[in-house]
Amino acid sequence: MQYRIAKPEDLEACSACVASTGYYHQVDFTEIGGIVLLAENDEGVQGVVWAARSGNIAFADYLAVTPKYMGSGLGARLIIRGCYVLKKMGVKQIRSCVHYDNREALRIDSKLGALDGPYAQSVIVL
């Protein structure tokens, strides 16, 4: 698996990856800006995570892994690599929200300190 920041020509495939999970509405990464980190192999984009930065804080969302790779640790690796990229950019804190029935994302975020509620919010201090 290769990890990298998405280029403009990757964004359609990143949107398709998010749609494959069934957790999010249609996301058009060409319209929302921010940074998209992707994980890909010979079969295409298998995972993405998106972040928008404001000063030294970033908001992360749309963590998505294709059904074939759910439960493989790919989501956790994307978060860890995303934290590293954002830290290099000067980010000190990352915030995210996870839908209450997205069990896989909640499992990953719980390892990073998610809070309870209808939506779990995790704050990662770098």
N, C-alpha and C. Protein backbone atom coordinates (compact mmCIF):
# COMPACT_ATOMS: atom_id res chain seq x y z
N MET A 1 0.86 -1.17 0.00
CA MET A 1 0.00 0.00 0.00
C MET A 1 0.90 1.23 0.00
N GLN A 2 0.58 2.19 -0.82
CA GLN A 2 1.30 3.45 -0.89
C GLN A 2 0.43 4.55 -0.30
N TYR A 3 1.02 5.49 0.42
CA TYR A 3 0.31 6.60 1.03
C TYR A 3 0.89 7.89 0.48
N ARG A 4 0.00 8.84 0.14
CA ARG A 4 0.46 10.13 -0.36
C ARG A 4 -0.67 11.13 -0.33
N ILE A 5 -0.33 12.41 -0.46
CA ILE A 5 -1.34 13.45 -0.57
C ILE A 5 -1.90 13.38 -1.98
N ALA A 6 -3.22 13.44 -2.07
CA ALA A 6 -3.90 13.34 -3.36
C ALA A 6 -3.59 14.54 -4.24
N LYS A 7 -3.48 14.26 -5.52
CA LYS A 7 -3.34 15.30 -6.54
C LYS A 7 -4.73 15.56 -7.11
N PRO A 8 -4.92 16.67 -7.82
CA PRO A 8 -6.25 16.96 -8.38
C PRO A 8 -6.82 15.81 -9.20
N GLU A 9 -5.99 15.12 -9.95
CA GLU A 9 -6.49 14.02 -10.78
C GLU A 9 -6.90 12.78 -9.97
N ASP A 10 -6.57 12.74 -8.67
CA ASP A 10 -6.95 11.63 -7.79
C ASP A 10 -8.30 11.83 -7.12
N LEU A 11 -8.80 13.06 -7.11
CA LEU A 11 -9.92 13.40 -6.25
C LEU A 11 -11.22 12.67 -6.59
N GLU A 12 -11.46 12.37 -7.86
CA GLU A 12 -12.66 11.61 -8.22
C GLU A 12 -12.61 10.20 -7.63
N ALA A 13 -11.46 9.57 -7.70
CA ALA A 13 -11.30 8.22 -7.12
C ALA A 13 -11.41 8.27 -5.60
N CYS A 14 -10.96 9.36 -4.98
CA CYS A 14 -11.09 9.52 -3.53
C CYS A 14 -12.56 9.64 -3.15
N SER A 15 -13.32 10.40 -3.92
CA SER A 15 -14.76 10.53 -3.67
C SER A 15 -15.46 9.18 -3.81
N ALA A 16 -15.06 8.39 -4.79
CA ALA A 16 -15.65 7.06 -4.98
C ALA A 16 -15.32 6.15 -3.80
N CYS A 17 -14.12 6.26 -3.26
CA CYS A 17 -13.74 5.46 -2.09
C CYS A 17 -14.66 5.79 -0.92
N VAL A 18 -14.90 7.06 -0.67
CA VAL A 18 -15.78 7.47 0.42
C VAL A 18 -17.19 6.93 0.19
N ALA A 19 -17.69 7.04 -1.03
CA ALA A 19 -19.04 6.56 -1.35
C ALA A 19 -19.17 5.06 -1.13
N SER A 20 -18.10 4.31 -1.31
CA SER A 20 -18.15 2.85 -1.18
C SER A 20 -18.46 2.39 0.24
N THR A 21 -18.25 3.26 1.23
CA THR A 21 -18.48 2.87 2.62
C THR A 21 -19.94 2.92 3.01
N GLY A 22 -20.72 3.76 2.36
CA GLY A 22 -22.12 3.92 2.72
C GLY A 22 -22.36 4.79 3.95
N TYR A 23 -21.32 5.35 4.56
CA TYR A 23 -21.47 6.17 5.77
C TYR A 23 -21.67 7.65 5.47
N TYR A 24 -21.23 8.11 4.33
CA TYR A 24 -21.24 9.54 4.03
C TYR A 24 -22.12 9.84 2.84
N HIS A 25 -22.62 11.07 2.78
CA HIS A 25 -23.31 11.54 1.58
C HIS A 25 -22.27 11.68 0.47
N GLN A 26 -22.71 12.02 -0.71
CA GLN A 26 -21.77 12.17 -1.83
C GLN A 26 -20.78 13.29 -1.51
N VAL A 27 -19.53 12.99 -1.54
CA VAL A 27 -18.46 13.95 -1.26
C VAL A 27 -17.72 14.23 -2.55
N ASP A 28 -17.61 15.50 -2.89
CA ASP A 28 -16.84 15.89 -4.07
C ASP A 28 -15.61 16.65 -3.59
N PHE A 29 -14.51 15.94 -3.49
CA PHE A 29 -13.29 16.55 -2.97
C PHE A 29 -12.78 17.69 -3.85
N THR A 30 -13.20 17.75 -5.11
CA THR A 30 -12.77 18.86 -5.97
C THR A 30 -13.41 20.17 -5.53
N GLU A 31 -14.47 20.09 -4.71
CA GLU A 31 -15.21 21.28 -4.30
C GLU A 31 -14.90 21.76 -2.88
N ILE A 32 -14.34 20.91 -2.02
CA ILE A 32 -14.24 21.30 -0.61
C ILE A 32 -12.85 21.72 -0.16
N GLY A 33 -11.86 21.62 -1.00
CA GLY A 33 -10.52 22.06 -0.61
C GLY A 33 -9.92 21.17 0.47
N GLY A 34 -8.94 21.69 1.18
CA GLY A 34 -8.28 20.95 2.23
C GLY A 34 -7.25 19.98 1.67
N ILE A 35 -6.85 19.05 2.50
CA ILE A 35 -5.83 18.06 2.17
C ILE A 35 -6.48 16.69 2.19
N VAL A 36 -6.23 15.90 1.17
CA VAL A 36 -6.72 14.53 1.13
C VAL A 36 -5.51 13.62 1.10
N LEU A 37 -5.39 12.77 2.12
CA LEU A 37 -4.34 11.75 2.13
C LEU A 37 -4.98 10.46 1.65
N LEU A 38 -4.34 9.79 0.73
CA LEU A 38 -4.91 8.55 0.21
C LEU A 38 -3.97 7.38 0.40
N ALA A 39 -4.57 6.21 0.40
CA ALA A 39 -3.83 4.94 0.41
C ALA A 39 -4.25 4.22 -0.86
N GLU A 40 -3.27 3.79 -1.63
CA GLU A 40 -3.60 3.13 -2.89
C GLU A 40 -2.71 1.92 -3.12
N ASN A 41 -3.24 1.02 -3.93
CA ASN A 41 -2.46 -0.12 -4.39
C ASN A 41 -2.73 -0.28 -5.88
N ASP A 42 -2.35 -1.40 -6.47
CA ASP A 42 -2.55 -1.61 -7.90
C ASP A 42 -4.01 -1.59 -8.31
N GLU A 43 -4.92 -1.82 -7.36
CA GLU A 43 -6.35 -1.83 -7.65
C GLU A 43 -6.98 -0.44 -7.52
N GLY A 44 -6.22 0.56 -7.08
CA GLY A 44 -6.74 1.92 -6.96
C GLY A 44 -6.74 2.44 -5.53
N VAL A 45 -7.52 3.49 -5.31
CA VAL A 45 -7.60 4.13 -4.00
C VAL A 45 -8.41 3.22 -3.06
N GLN A 46 -7.80 2.87 -1.94
CA GLN A 46 -8.44 1.97 -0.97
C GLN A 46 -8.80 2.66 0.34
N GLY A 47 -8.29 3.87 0.52
CA GLY A 47 -8.60 4.60 1.74
C GLY A 47 -8.27 6.06 1.59
N VAL A 48 -9.01 6.91 2.32
CA VAL A 48 -8.76 8.35 2.31
C VAL A 48 -9.07 8.93 3.68
N VAL A 49 -8.44 10.04 3.96
CA VAL A 49 -8.81 10.88 5.10
C VAL A 49 -8.58 12.32 4.64
N TRP A 50 -9.52 13.19 5.02
CA TRP A 50 -9.51 14.59 4.59
C TRP A 50 -9.29 15.47 5.80
N ALA A 51 -8.59 16.57 5.63
CA ALA A 51 -8.39 17.54 6.71
C ALA A 51 -8.40 18.96 6.16
N ALA A 52 -8.98 19.85 6.93
CA ALA A 52 -8.94 21.28 6.64
C ALA A 52 -8.18 21.94 7.78
N ARG A 53 -7.27 22.81 7.44
CA ARG A 53 -6.40 23.43 8.43
C ARG A 53 -6.76 24.90 8.62
N SER A 54 -6.73 25.32 9.88
CA SER A 54 -6.89 26.73 10.22
C SER A 54 -5.87 27.03 11.30
N GLY A 55 -4.81 27.69 10.92
CA GLY A 55 -3.72 27.96 11.87
C GLY A 55 -3.08 26.67 12.33
N ASN A 56 -3.00 26.48 13.65
CA ASN A 56 -2.37 25.27 14.16
C ASN A 56 -3.38 24.19 14.56
N ILE A 57 -4.64 24.34 14.11
CA ILE A 57 -5.68 23.34 14.35
C ILE A 57 -6.18 22.82 13.02
N ALA A 58 -6.46 21.52 12.97
CA ALA A 58 -7.02 20.93 11.76
C ALA A 58 -8.28 20.16 12.14
N PHE A 59 -9.24 20.15 11.23
CA PHE A 59 -10.43 19.34 11.39
C PHE A 59 -10.32 18.20 10.39
N ALA A 60 -10.43 16.96 10.86
CA ALA A 60 -10.31 15.79 9.99
C ALA A 60 -11.68 15.12 9.88
N ASP A 61 -11.99 14.65 8.68
CA ASP A 61 -13.27 14.01 8.44
C ASP A 61 -13.12 13.08 7.24
N TYR A 62 -14.17 12.39 6.93
CA TYR A 62 -14.23 11.50 5.76
C TYR A 62 -13.14 10.43 5.78
N LEU A 63 -12.83 9.91 6.97
CA LEU A 63 -11.98 8.73 7.02
C LEU A 63 -12.77 7.60 6.39
N ALA A 64 -12.25 7.06 5.32
CA ALA A 64 -12.97 6.01 4.60
C ALA A 64 -11.99 4.96 4.11
N VAL A 65 -12.41 3.72 4.24
CA VAL A 65 -11.65 2.58 3.74
C VAL A 65 -12.64 1.72 2.96
N THR A 66 -12.25 1.28 1.79
CA THR A 66 -13.14 0.46 0.98
C THR A 66 -13.52 -0.80 1.76
N PRO A 67 -14.71 -1.34 1.51
CA PRO A 67 -15.15 -2.53 2.25
C PRO A 67 -14.13 -3.67 2.25
N LYS A 68 -13.42 -3.84 1.17
CA LYS A 68 -12.42 -4.92 1.08
C LYS A 68 -11.33 -4.79 2.14
N TYR A 69 -11.01 -3.55 2.54
CA TYR A 69 -9.91 -3.32 3.48
C TYR A 69 -10.37 -2.92 4.88
N MET A 70 -11.68 -2.88 5.13
CA MET A 70 -12.17 -2.58 6.48
C MET A 70 -11.68 -3.66 7.44
N GLY A 71 -11.23 -3.22 8.59
CA GLY A 71 -10.74 -4.16 9.60
C GLY A 71 -9.29 -4.58 9.41
N SER A 72 -8.63 -4.04 8.39
CA SER A 72 -7.25 -4.44 8.09
C SER A 72 -6.20 -3.57 8.77
N GLY A 73 -6.64 -2.50 9.44
CA GLY A 73 -5.70 -1.56 10.04
C GLY A 73 -5.38 -0.38 9.12
N LEU A 74 -5.93 -0.38 7.93
CA LEU A 74 -5.64 0.69 6.97
C LEU A 74 -6.12 2.04 7.49
N GLY A 75 -7.30 2.10 8.10
CA GLY A 75 -7.82 3.36 8.63
C GLY A 75 -6.90 3.94 9.70
N ALA A 76 -6.44 3.10 10.60
CA ALA A 76 -5.52 3.56 11.65
C ALA A 76 -4.21 4.07 11.04
N ARG A 77 -3.71 3.36 10.04
CA ARG A 77 -2.47 3.81 9.39
C ARG A 77 -2.67 5.14 8.69
N LEU A 78 -3.83 5.34 8.08
CA LEU A 78 -4.12 6.63 7.44
C LEU A 78 -4.14 7.76 8.47
N ILE A 79 -4.78 7.53 9.61
CA ILE A 79 -4.83 8.56 10.65
C ILE A 79 -3.42 8.88 11.14
N ILE A 80 -2.63 7.87 11.42
CA ILE A 80 -1.28 8.08 11.92
C ILE A 80 -0.44 8.84 10.90
N ARG A 81 -0.50 8.44 9.65
CA ARG A 81 0.25 9.15 8.60
C ARG A 81 -0.28 10.57 8.41
N GLY A 82 -1.59 10.73 8.50
CA GLY A 82 -2.17 12.06 8.40
C GLY A 82 -1.71 12.97 9.53
N CYS A 83 -1.63 12.44 10.74
CA CYS A 83 -1.12 13.21 11.88
C CYS A 83 0.31 13.65 11.63
N TYR A 84 1.11 12.76 11.10
CA TYR A 84 2.51 13.09 10.81
C TYR A 84 2.60 14.22 9.78
N VAL A 85 1.82 14.14 8.71
CA VAL A 85 1.82 15.17 7.67
C VAL A 85 1.39 16.51 8.25
N LEU A 86 0.30 16.51 9.03
CA LEU A 86 -0.21 17.75 9.60
C LEU A 86 0.75 18.33 10.63
N LYS A 87 1.38 17.49 11.41
CA LYS A 87 2.36 17.97 12.39
C LYS A 87 3.51 18.67 11.69
N LYS A 88 3.97 18.11 10.57
CA LYS A 88 5.04 18.74 9.80
C LYS A 88 4.60 20.11 9.25
N MET A 89 3.29 20.30 9.10
CA MET A 89 2.76 21.57 8.61
C MET A 89 2.50 22.57 9.73
N GLY A 90 2.80 22.20 10.97
CA GLY A 90 2.62 23.10 12.11
C GLY A 90 1.34 22.92 12.88
N VAL A 91 0.55 21.91 12.57
CA VAL A 91 -0.70 21.65 13.29
C VAL A 91 -0.37 21.09 14.67
N LYS A 92 -1.07 21.61 15.69
CA LYS A 92 -0.87 21.15 17.06
C LYS A 92 -2.03 20.30 17.58
N GLN A 93 -3.20 20.43 16.93
CA GLN A 93 -4.38 19.70 17.41
C GLN A 93 -5.26 19.34 16.21
N ILE A 94 -5.80 18.13 16.25
CA ILE A 94 -6.69 17.66 15.19
C ILE A 94 -8.02 17.29 15.84
N ARG A 95 -9.11 17.78 15.27
CA ARG A 95 -10.45 17.47 15.76
C ARG A 95 -11.19 16.69 14.68
N SER A 96 -12.04 15.79 15.12
CA SER A 96 -12.85 15.05 14.15
C SER A 96 -14.17 14.62 14.79
N CYS A 97 -15.15 14.37 13.96
CA CYS A 97 -16.43 13.83 14.40
C CYS A 97 -16.67 12.53 13.66
N VAL A 98 -17.27 11.58 14.36
CA VAL A 98 -17.55 10.27 13.76
C VAL A 98 -19.02 9.96 13.99
N HIS A 99 -19.71 9.53 12.96
CA HIS A 99 -21.12 9.16 13.08
C HIS A 99 -21.26 8.00 14.06
N TYR A 100 -22.30 8.03 14.88
CA TYR A 100 -22.45 7.06 15.96
C TYR A 100 -22.53 5.61 15.50
N ASP A 101 -22.95 5.35 14.25
CA ASP A 101 -23.03 3.95 13.83
C ASP A 101 -21.89 3.52 12.92
N ASN A 102 -20.88 4.35 12.79
CA ASN A 102 -19.69 3.99 12.02
C ASN A 102 -18.73 3.25 12.98
N ARG A 103 -19.03 1.98 13.22
CA ARG A 103 -18.31 1.20 14.24
C ARG A 103 -16.81 1.14 14.00
N GLU A 104 -16.42 0.97 12.76
CA GLU A 104 -14.98 0.84 12.47
C GLU A 104 -14.24 2.14 12.78
N ALA A 105 -14.79 3.28 12.35
CA ALA A 105 -14.14 4.56 12.65
C ALA A 105 -14.15 4.84 14.15
N LEU A 106 -15.24 4.48 14.83
CA LEU A 106 -15.29 4.67 16.28
C LEU A 106 -14.24 3.81 16.99
N ARG A 107 -14.05 2.60 16.50
CA ARG A 107 -13.04 1.72 17.08
C ARG A 107 -11.65 2.35 16.96
N ILE A 108 -11.38 2.88 15.77
CA ILE A 108 -10.08 3.53 15.54
C ILE A 108 -9.95 4.76 16.43
N ASP A 109 -10.98 5.62 16.42
CA ASP A 109 -10.90 6.85 17.21
C ASP A 109 -10.86 6.57 18.71
N SER A 110 -11.49 5.48 19.16
CA SER A 110 -11.45 5.20 20.60
C SER A 110 -10.02 4.96 21.07
N LYS A 111 -9.19 4.42 20.20
CA LYS A 111 -7.78 4.24 20.54
C LYS A 111 -7.06 5.57 20.65
N LEU A 112 -7.66 6.62 20.05
CA LEU A 112 -7.04 7.95 20.06
C LEU A 112 -7.74 8.89 21.04
N GLY A 113 -8.71 8.39 21.84
CA GLY A 113 -9.33 9.19 22.88
C GLY A 113 -10.67 9.80 22.53
N ALA A 114 -11.51 9.10 21.77
CA ALA A 114 -12.83 9.64 21.40
C ALA A 114 -13.69 9.83 22.64
N LEU A 115 -14.57 10.82 22.59
CA LEU A 115 -15.52 11.09 23.67
C LEU A 115 -16.85 10.44 23.34
N ASP A 116 -17.67 10.15 24.37
CA ASP A 116 -18.99 9.56 24.17
C ASP A 116 -19.99 10.62 23.73
N GLY A 117 -21.05 10.19 23.06
CA GLY A 117 -22.14 11.08 22.65
C GLY A 117 -22.75 10.57 21.37
N PRO A 118 -23.80 11.25 20.87
CA PRO A 118 -24.41 10.81 19.61
C PRO A 118 -23.40 10.84 18.47
N TYR A 119 -22.48 11.78 18.55
CA TYR A 119 -21.33 11.79 17.66
C TYR A 119 -20.12 11.81 18.57
N ALA A 120 -19.19 10.95 18.30
CA ALA A 120 -17.98 10.94 19.11
C ALA A 120 -17.01 11.95 18.53
N GLN A 121 -16.43 12.76 19.37
CA GLN A 121 -15.45 13.73 18.90
C GLN A 121 -14.12 13.34 19.51
N SER A 122 -13.13 13.24 18.68
CA SER A 122 -11.80 12.97 19.20
C SER A 122 -10.93 14.17 18.95
N VAL A 123 -10.07 14.45 19.88
CA VAL A 123 -9.11 15.53 19.75
C VAL A 123 -7.74 14.91 19.92
N ILE A 124 -6.90 15.06 18.92
CA ILE A 124 -5.54 14.53 18.97
C ILE A 124 -4.60 15.71 19.13
N VAL A 125 -3.87 15.74 20.22
CA VAL A 125 -2.91 16.81 20.48
C VAL A 125 -1.56 16.33 20.03
N LEU A 126 -0.94 17.08 19.13
CA LEU A 126 0.37 16.67 18.57
C LEU A 126 1.51 17.33 19.31
